Amino acid sequence: MGCPEDLARRSRLSVDPLGGRTNPQRGNVSIDDESRLIEKLRKIELLFARSPFPGEQAAAETAADRIRQRIRQLEKAERTIEFRFSLPDTWSKALFIALLRRYNLSPYRYRGQRRTTVMVKVTASFVNEVLWPEFQELNGTLRAHLDSVTSNIIKRAIHANDADVEERTEQAPNTIEGQNITS
């Protein structure tokens, strides 16, 4: 059958020195790690969809539909409100927008607002019970994965010592844009 390197060559994949297969178009992220992350994100969605069949594949496929149905029910019972979400970075913003669009919600922002600001009209109940808690779970999972990948790449490509900077006991001098100013 051949060694893993031969198999990787035949399947257009490379072998990660840490043991997983990687896709050259995606940098050095292990396909196994990526698959686990996707599965974990799907399980989080199932949690918020309140599936009566959490282990079934059909439940995973209809989770978004159940949440969309729940949005419609909430909109009948309470009025929609314009919410402003200020997200900390472009990764979080991209995830949040994808989540909104998955539930057929229309994200927007007004001229002059920061690029990490997302506006949406939705019921407060949906935001408090589903949207924001689900986003926080997904974002935490994705952030942990991105932090791990980034740390691994830096260790392997730049320098293996990932310890934080030394903390000194004396008072810091005044600085402007990275230049020390001494009197």
Protein backbone atom coordinates (compact mmCIF):
# COMPACT_ATOMS: atom_id res chain seq x y z
CA MET A 1 0.00 0.00 0.00
CA GLY A 2 2.93 2.39 0.59
CA CYS A 3 4.07 4.78 3.27
CA PRO A 4 2.00 7.80 4.38
CA GLU A 5 4.14 10.11 2.22
CA ASP A 6 3.28 8.04 -0.93
CA LEU A 7 -0.40 8.06 -0.02
CA ALA A 8 -0.25 11.82 0.53
CA ARG A 9 1.39 12.35 -2.87
CA ARG A 10 -1.29 10.30 -4.59
CA SER A 11 -4.13 12.11 -2.85
CA ARG A 12 -2.56 15.58 -3.35
CA LEU A 13 -2.20 15.98 0.40
CA SER A 14 0.93 16.54 2.44
CA VAL A 15 1.88 14.89 5.71
CA ASP A 16 2.00 17.06 8.80
CA PRO A 17 5.06 16.28 10.95
CA LEU A 18 2.71 16.20 13.94
CA GLY A 19 0.83 13.27 12.40
CA GLY A 20 -2.20 14.66 10.56
CA ARG A 21 -2.83 15.10 6.85
CA THR A 22 -2.84 18.67 5.57
CA ASN A 23 -4.21 20.39 2.51
CA PRO A 24 -1.66 22.58 0.66
CA GLN A 25 -4.33 25.15 -0.25
CA ARG A 26 -5.08 25.71 3.44
CA GLY A 27 -1.56 26.15 4.75
CA ASN A 28 -0.48 23.55 7.27
CA VAL A 29 -3.81 23.02 9.06
CA SER A 30 -4.48 19.35 9.69
CA ILE A 31 -7.56 18.03 7.90
CA ASP A 32 -8.28 15.91 10.97
CA ASP A 33 -8.19 19.03 13.16
CA GLU A 34 -10.38 20.90 10.70
CA SER A 35 -12.90 18.04 10.61
CA ARG A 36 -13.02 17.93 14.41
CA LEU A 37 -13.56 21.70 14.53
CA ILE A 38 -16.41 21.53 12.01
CA GLU A 39 -18.03 18.67 13.94
CA LYS A 40 -17.71 20.63 17.18
CA LEU A 41 -19.32 23.71 15.60
CA ARG A 42 -22.20 21.56 14.32
CA LYS A 43 -22.74 20.13 17.80
CA ILE A 44 -22.91 23.66 19.22
CA GLU A 45 -25.57 24.53 16.64
CA LEU A 46 -27.54 21.42 17.61
CA LEU A 47 -27.42 22.52 21.23
CA PHE A 48 -29.08 25.84 20.36
CA ALA A 49 -31.56 24.29 17.93
CA ARG A 50 -32.91 22.19 20.81
CA SER A 51 -33.04 19.03 18.76
CA PRO A 52 -35.05 16.14 20.20
CA PHE A 53 -32.62 13.80 18.34
CA PRO A 54 -29.13 15.19 19.05
CA GLY A 55 -27.28 12.15 17.73
CA GLU A 56 -28.91 11.87 14.33
CA GLN A 57 -27.50 13.33 11.15
CA ALA A 58 -30.97 14.47 10.14
CA ALA A 59 -31.08 16.59 13.27
CA ALA A 60 -27.86 18.31 12.24
CA GLU A 61 -29.26 19.07 8.79
CA THR A 62 -32.47 20.59 10.13
CA ALA A 63 -31.00 22.52 13.07
CA ALA A 64 -30.87 25.80 11.16
CA ASP A 65 -34.44 25.26 9.92
CA ARG A 66 -35.69 24.82 13.49
CA ILE A 67 -33.94 28.01 14.54
CA ARG A 68 -35.43 29.92 11.57
CA GLN A 69 -38.86 28.62 12.58
CA ARG A 70 -38.24 29.79 16.11
CA ILE A 71 -37.35 33.28 14.83
CA ARG A 72 -40.67 33.45 12.98
CA GLN A 73 -42.58 32.37 16.11
CA LEU A 74 -40.80 34.98 18.25
CA GLU A 75 -41.48 37.71 15.66
CA LYS A 76 -45.21 36.96 15.93
CA ALA A 77 -45.10 37.29 19.72
CA GLU A 78 -42.80 40.31 20.07
CA ARG A 79 -41.58 43.16 17.94
CA THR A 80 -38.17 43.28 16.31
CA ILE A 81 -35.57 45.70 17.61
CA GLU A 82 -32.52 47.12 15.85
CA PHE A 83 -29.46 45.71 17.62
CA ARG A 84 -25.92 47.01 17.30
CA PHE A 85 -23.12 44.51 17.83
CA SER A 86 -19.56 45.79 18.17
CA LEU A 87 -17.30 42.84 17.49
CA PRO A 88 -13.64 42.75 18.51
CA ASP A 89 -12.07 41.60 15.23
CA THR A 90 -12.72 40.60 11.64
CA TRP A 91 -12.81 36.85 12.49
CA SER A 92 -15.62 37.38 14.99
CA LYS A 93 -17.43 39.69 12.58
CA ALA A 94 -17.22 37.13 9.75
CA LEU A 95 -18.58 34.38 12.02
CA PHE A 96 -21.38 36.59 13.34
CA ILE A 97 -22.45 37.66 9.84
CA ALA A 98 -22.44 34.04 8.65
CA LEU A 99 -24.60 33.06 11.64
CA LEU A 100 -27.07 35.87 10.91
CA ARG A 101 -27.30 34.94 7.24
CA ARG A 102 -27.73 31.27 8.11
CA TYR A 103 -30.93 32.27 9.92
CA ASN A 104 -32.08 34.51 7.05
CA LEU A 105 -31.37 37.67 9.03
CA SER A 106 -29.97 40.68 7.14
CA PRO A 107 -26.87 42.22 8.71
CA TYR A 108 -25.95 45.82 7.80
CA ARG A 109 -24.13 48.87 9.09
CA TYR A 110 -24.61 52.59 8.65
CA ARG A 111 -22.17 54.86 6.91
CA GLY A 112 -19.64 56.09 9.44
CA GLN A 113 -19.87 53.04 11.70
CA ARG A 114 -16.77 50.96 12.30
CA ARG A 115 -16.22 47.99 10.00
CA THR A 116 -16.57 45.66 12.99
CA THR A 117 -20.04 47.00 13.81
CA VAL A 118 -22.97 44.85 12.70
CA MET A 119 -26.59 45.94 12.86
CA VAL A 120 -29.58 43.60 12.64
CA LYS A 121 -33.32 43.79 13.30
CA VAL A 122 -34.43 40.83 15.39
CA THR A 123 -36.40 40.06 18.56
CA ALA A 124 -34.71 40.52 21.92
CA SER A 125 -35.72 36.99 22.96
CA PHE A 126 -33.92 35.46 19.99
CA VAL A 127 -30.79 37.49 20.68
CA ASN A 128 -30.75 36.64 24.39
CA GLU A 129 -31.79 32.99 24.19
CA VAL A 130 -30.21 31.79 20.94
CA LEU A 131 -28.16 34.16 18.79
CA TRP A 132 -25.74 35.69 21.28
CA PRO A 133 -25.15 32.54 23.39
CA GLU A 134 -24.64 30.47 20.22
CA PHE A 135 -22.27 33.07 18.78
CA GLN A 136 -20.26 33.13 22.01
CA GLU A 137 -19.92 29.33 22.01
CA LEU A 138 -18.96 29.21 18.32
CA ASN A 139 -16.61 32.17 18.62
CA GLY A 140 -14.87 30.71 21.67
CA THR A 141 -14.37 27.39 19.90
CA LEU A 142 -13.15 29.02 16.71
CA ARG A 143 -10.93 31.46 18.62
CA ALA A 144 -9.29 28.60 20.55
CA HIS A 145 -8.64 26.77 17.28
CA LEU A 146 -7.21 29.88 15.58
CA ASP A 147 -5.03 30.63 18.62
CA SER A 148 -3.71 27.07 18.59
CA VAL A 149 -2.97 27.12 14.85
CA THR A 150 -1.31 30.54 15.08
CA SER A 151 0.82 29.52 18.06
CA ASN A 152 1.86 26.29 16.33
CA ILE A 153 2.84 28.11 13.12
CA ILE A 154 4.85 30.72 15.02
CA LYS A 155 6.65 28.01 17.03
CA ARG A 156 7.46 25.99 13.93
CA ALA A 157 8.28 28.79 11.49
CA ILE A 158 9.67 31.64 13.61
CA HIS A 159 10.85 30.60 17.09
CA ALA A 160 9.94 27.78 19.47
CA ASN A 161 9.96 29.91 22.64
CA ASP A 162 6.39 31.14 23.05
CA ALA A 163 6.78 32.43 26.60
CA ASP A 164 5.39 35.87 27.36
CA VAL A 165 7.74 38.85 27.60
CA GLU A 166 9.82 39.47 30.72
CA GLU A 167 8.13 41.75 33.23
CA ARG A 168 10.47 44.30 34.82
CA THR A 169 9.95 45.84 38.24
CA GLU A 170 11.03 49.41 37.42
CA GLN A 171 8.66 52.08 36.11
CA ALA A 172 8.21 52.15 32.33
CA PRO A 173 9.66 55.20 30.53
CA ASN A 174 7.35 57.42 28.46
CA THR A 175 7.06 56.10 24.93
CA ILE A 176 5.61 57.40 21.68
CA GLU A 177 4.94 55.00 18.78
CA GLY A 178 7.52 52.50 19.96
CA GLN A 179 10.30 55.01 20.53
CA ASN A 180 11.61 55.67 24.00
CA ILE A 181 11.52 59.22 25.25
CA THR A 182 13.96 59.94 28.02
CA SER A 183 14.36 63.22 29.89
